[in-house]
Amino acid sequence: MGSGISLFIMAGVAQGILWSLISPIPAQDGPVGVIPYTINSAIHGHAADAFFRSGQLPSIFGLIVTAIVLLILVYVQVL
């Protein structure tokens, strides 16, 4: 039972991360997703703006921090 609940939690977290990566829905300063926003910023000559974004919008910094935390958790779990 606990394993099934953990699976649903993991699926929700994975969906949130994927949505933050590739969402093309427009926001106040460009697309919501990190990848479309980075491409849009690079085309318009503002690639540095993709590292930190205002409000609750996802950024490259948040993606890097998420990957680092994930790697640390996997490393600790293997020990």
N, C-alpha and C. Protein backbone atom coordinates (compact mmCIF):
# COMPACT_ATOMS: atom_id res chain seq x y z
N MET A 1 0.82 -1.20 0.00
CA MET A 1 0.00 0.00 0.00
C MET A 1 0.86 1.26 0.00
N GLY A 2 1.87 1.30 0.86
CA GLY A 2 2.74 2.46 0.93
C GLY A 2 3.53 2.67 -0.35
N SER A 3 3.89 1.57 -1.00
CA SER A 3 4.64 1.67 -2.24
C SER A 3 3.79 2.29 -3.35
N GLY A 4 2.50 1.96 -3.39
CA GLY A 4 1.60 2.53 -4.39
C GLY A 4 1.40 4.02 -4.18
N ILE A 5 1.27 4.43 -2.93
CA ILE A 5 1.12 5.85 -2.62
C ILE A 5 2.38 6.61 -3.03
N SER A 6 3.55 6.05 -2.74
CA SER A 6 4.81 6.69 -3.14
C SER A 6 4.90 6.80 -4.66
N LEU A 7 4.38 5.81 -5.37
CA LEU A 7 4.39 5.85 -6.83
C LEU A 7 3.54 7.00 -7.35
N PHE A 8 2.38 7.23 -6.75
CA PHE A 8 1.53 8.35 -7.17
C PHE A 8 2.19 9.69 -6.84
N ILE A 9 2.84 9.78 -5.70
CA ILE A 9 3.55 11.01 -5.35
C ILE A 9 4.66 11.28 -6.34
N MET A 10 5.44 10.24 -6.68
CA MET A 10 6.53 10.38 -7.64
C MET A 10 6.01 10.80 -9.01
N ALA A 11 4.88 10.25 -9.43
CA ALA A 11 4.30 10.61 -10.72
C ALA A 11 3.88 12.08 -10.73
N GLY A 12 3.34 12.58 -9.63
CA GLY A 12 2.96 13.99 -9.55
C GLY A 12 4.17 14.91 -9.59
N VAL A 13 5.24 14.54 -8.91
CA VAL A 13 6.46 15.34 -8.92
C VAL A 13 7.07 15.33 -10.32
N ALA A 14 7.11 14.16 -10.97
CA ALA A 14 7.65 14.06 -12.32
C ALA A 14 6.83 14.89 -13.30
N GLN A 15 5.52 14.91 -13.13
CA GLN A 15 4.66 15.72 -13.99
C GLN A 15 4.96 17.20 -13.80
N GLY A 16 5.14 17.63 -12.57
CA GLY A 16 5.46 19.03 -12.30
C GLY A 16 6.80 19.45 -12.90
N ILE A 17 7.80 18.58 -12.79
CA ILE A 17 9.11 18.89 -13.37
C ILE A 17 9.02 18.94 -14.88
N LEU A 18 8.35 17.98 -15.50
CA LEU A 18 8.21 17.97 -16.95
C LEU A 18 7.44 19.19 -17.44
N TRP A 19 6.38 19.57 -16.73
CA TRP A 19 5.60 20.75 -17.08
C TRP A 19 6.46 22.01 -16.98
N SER A 20 7.30 22.08 -15.97
CA SER A 20 8.18 23.24 -15.82
C SER A 20 9.25 23.30 -16.90
N LEU A 21 9.57 22.18 -17.46
CA LEU A 21 10.60 22.14 -18.51
C LEU A 21 10.07 22.54 -19.87
N ILE A 22 8.91 22.03 -20.28
CA ILE A 22 8.53 22.18 -21.69
C ILE A 22 7.21 22.91 -21.93
N SER A 23 6.62 23.51 -20.92
CA SER A 23 5.32 24.16 -21.09
C SER A 23 5.43 25.38 -22.03
N PRO A 24 4.67 25.38 -23.14
CA PRO A 24 4.71 26.52 -24.06
C PRO A 24 3.69 27.62 -23.74
N ILE A 25 2.94 27.47 -22.66
CA ILE A 25 1.90 28.44 -22.32
C ILE A 25 2.55 29.79 -21.99
N PRO A 26 2.04 30.88 -22.56
CA PRO A 26 2.67 32.18 -22.32
C PRO A 26 2.43 32.72 -20.91
N ALA A 27 3.45 33.41 -20.40
CA ALA A 27 3.38 34.10 -19.11
C ALA A 27 3.66 35.57 -19.37
N GLN A 28 3.90 36.36 -18.32
CA GLN A 28 4.10 37.79 -18.50
C GLN A 28 5.40 38.11 -19.24
N ASP A 29 6.43 37.26 -19.15
CA ASP A 29 7.71 37.58 -19.81
C ASP A 29 8.11 36.57 -20.87
N GLY A 30 7.25 35.64 -21.20
CA GLY A 30 7.55 34.63 -22.21
C GLY A 30 6.89 33.31 -21.84
N PRO A 31 7.28 32.22 -22.50
CA PRO A 31 6.69 30.93 -22.16
C PRO A 31 7.00 30.51 -20.73
N VAL A 32 6.14 29.69 -20.14
CA VAL A 32 6.32 29.24 -18.76
C VAL A 32 7.49 28.28 -18.66
N GLY A 33 7.64 27.35 -19.60
CA GLY A 33 8.66 26.31 -19.54
C GLY A 33 10.08 26.86 -19.66
N VAL A 34 11.02 26.17 -19.02
CA VAL A 34 12.42 26.60 -19.03
C VAL A 34 13.01 26.51 -20.44
N ILE A 35 12.77 25.41 -21.13
CA ILE A 35 13.37 25.22 -22.45
C ILE A 35 12.81 26.23 -23.47
N PRO A 36 11.47 26.38 -23.60
CA PRO A 36 10.97 27.40 -24.54
C PRO A 36 11.40 28.82 -24.16
N TYR A 37 11.46 29.11 -22.86
CA TYR A 37 11.86 30.45 -22.45
C TYR A 37 13.33 30.71 -22.77
N THR A 38 14.18 29.71 -22.57
CA THR A 38 15.60 29.87 -22.88
C THR A 38 15.80 30.09 -24.37
N ILE A 39 15.09 29.32 -25.20
CA ILE A 39 15.18 29.50 -26.65
C ILE A 39 14.68 30.88 -27.05
N ASN A 40 13.55 31.30 -26.49
CA ASN A 40 12.98 32.61 -26.78
C ASN A 40 13.92 33.73 -26.34
N SER A 41 14.54 33.59 -25.18
CA SER A 41 15.47 34.61 -24.69
C SER A 41 16.72 34.67 -25.56
N ALA A 42 17.21 33.52 -25.98
CA ALA A 42 18.41 33.49 -26.83
C ALA A 42 18.13 34.13 -28.19
N ILE A 43 16.95 33.90 -28.73
CA ILE A 43 16.59 34.50 -30.02
C ILE A 43 16.53 36.02 -29.90
N HIS A 44 16.01 36.52 -28.79
CA HIS A 44 15.88 37.97 -28.59
C HIS A 44 17.11 38.60 -27.96
N GLY A 45 18.17 37.82 -27.72
CA GLY A 45 19.41 38.37 -27.20
C GLY A 45 19.46 38.58 -25.70
N HIS A 46 18.60 37.92 -24.95
CA HIS A 46 18.57 38.06 -23.50
C HIS A 46 18.75 36.71 -22.82
N ALA A 47 19.74 35.95 -23.24
CA ALA A 47 19.92 34.59 -22.74
C ALA A 47 20.20 34.56 -21.24
N ALA A 48 20.84 35.60 -20.70
CA ALA A 48 21.15 35.63 -19.27
C ALA A 48 19.89 35.73 -18.41
N ASP A 49 18.80 36.23 -18.96
CA ASP A 49 17.55 36.35 -18.21
C ASP A 49 16.94 34.99 -17.87
N ALA A 50 17.34 33.93 -18.56
CA ALA A 50 16.76 32.61 -18.32
C ALA A 50 17.26 31.98 -17.02
N PHE A 51 18.36 32.48 -16.45
CA PHE A 51 18.89 31.88 -15.23
C PHE A 51 18.06 32.22 -14.00
N PHE A 52 17.57 33.44 -13.91
CA PHE A 52 16.72 33.86 -12.80
C PHE A 52 15.51 34.56 -13.39
N ARG A 53 14.31 34.11 -13.01
CA ARG A 53 13.08 34.73 -13.51
C ARG A 53 12.29 35.27 -12.33
N SER A 54 11.45 36.25 -12.61
CA SER A 54 10.66 36.86 -11.54
C SER A 54 9.44 36.01 -11.22
N GLY A 55 8.93 36.19 -10.03
CA GLY A 55 7.72 35.48 -9.61
C GLY A 55 7.98 34.01 -9.36
N GLN A 56 6.98 33.20 -9.60
CA GLN A 56 7.07 31.76 -9.36
C GLN A 56 7.40 30.97 -10.62
N LEU A 57 7.90 31.63 -11.65
CA LEU A 57 8.18 30.95 -12.91
C LEU A 57 9.47 30.15 -12.82
N PRO A 58 9.53 28.99 -13.47
CA PRO A 58 10.73 28.15 -13.41
C PRO A 58 11.90 28.78 -14.15
N SER A 59 13.12 28.50 -13.69
CA SER A 59 14.32 29.05 -14.31
C SER A 59 15.38 27.96 -14.41
N ILE A 60 16.46 28.27 -15.12
CA ILE A 60 17.56 27.32 -15.24
C ILE A 60 18.19 27.07 -13.88
N PHE A 61 18.28 28.09 -13.04
CA PHE A 61 18.84 27.92 -11.70
C PHE A 61 18.04 26.90 -10.90
N GLY A 62 16.72 26.98 -10.96
CA GLY A 62 15.87 26.02 -10.27
C GLY A 62 16.03 24.62 -10.81
N LEU A 63 16.22 24.50 -12.12
CA LEU A 63 16.45 23.20 -12.73
C LEU A 63 17.77 22.60 -12.25
N ILE A 64 18.80 23.41 -12.18
CA ILE A 64 20.12 22.93 -11.72
C ILE A 64 20.04 22.51 -10.26
N VAL A 65 19.39 23.31 -9.43
CA VAL A 65 19.26 22.98 -8.00
C VAL A 65 18.46 21.68 -7.83
N THR A 66 17.41 21.50 -8.61
CA THR A 66 16.62 20.26 -8.55
C THR A 66 17.47 19.06 -8.92
N ALA A 67 18.27 19.18 -9.96
CA ALA A 67 19.14 18.08 -10.39
C ALA A 67 20.18 17.76 -9.31
N ILE A 68 20.76 18.78 -8.68
CA ILE A 68 21.76 18.55 -7.63
C ILE A 68 21.13 17.84 -6.42
N VAL A 69 19.96 18.29 -6.01
CA VAL A 69 19.27 17.65 -4.87
C VAL A 69 18.93 16.21 -5.22
N LEU A 70 18.47 15.95 -6.44
CA LEU A 70 18.15 14.60 -6.86
C LEU A 70 19.39 13.71 -6.83
N LEU A 71 20.51 14.20 -7.32
CA LEU A 71 21.75 13.43 -7.30
C LEU A 71 22.22 13.14 -5.88
N ILE A 72 22.10 14.12 -4.99
CA ILE A 72 22.48 13.91 -3.59
C ILE A 72 21.58 12.86 -2.95
N LEU A 73 20.27 12.92 -3.21
CA LEU A 73 19.36 11.94 -2.62
C LEU A 73 19.63 10.53 -3.14
N VAL A 74 19.94 10.39 -4.43
CA VAL A 74 20.25 9.08 -4.99
C VAL A 74 21.55 8.56 -4.38
N TYR A 75 22.55 9.42 -4.22
CA TYR A 75 23.83 9.02 -3.63
C TYR A 75 23.63 8.55 -2.19
N VAL A 76 22.87 9.30 -1.42
CA VAL A 76 22.64 8.93 -0.02
C VAL A 76 21.84 7.63 0.07
N GLN A 77 20.90 7.43 -0.84
CA GLN A 77 20.09 6.21 -0.84
C GLN A 77 20.95 4.98 -1.16
N VAL A 78 21.95 5.13 -2.03
CA VAL A 78 22.81 4.02 -2.42
C VAL A 78 23.71 3.62 -1.26
N LEU A 79 24.14 4.60 -0.47
CA LEU A 79 25.00 4.29 0.67
C LEU A 79 24.24 3.44 1.62
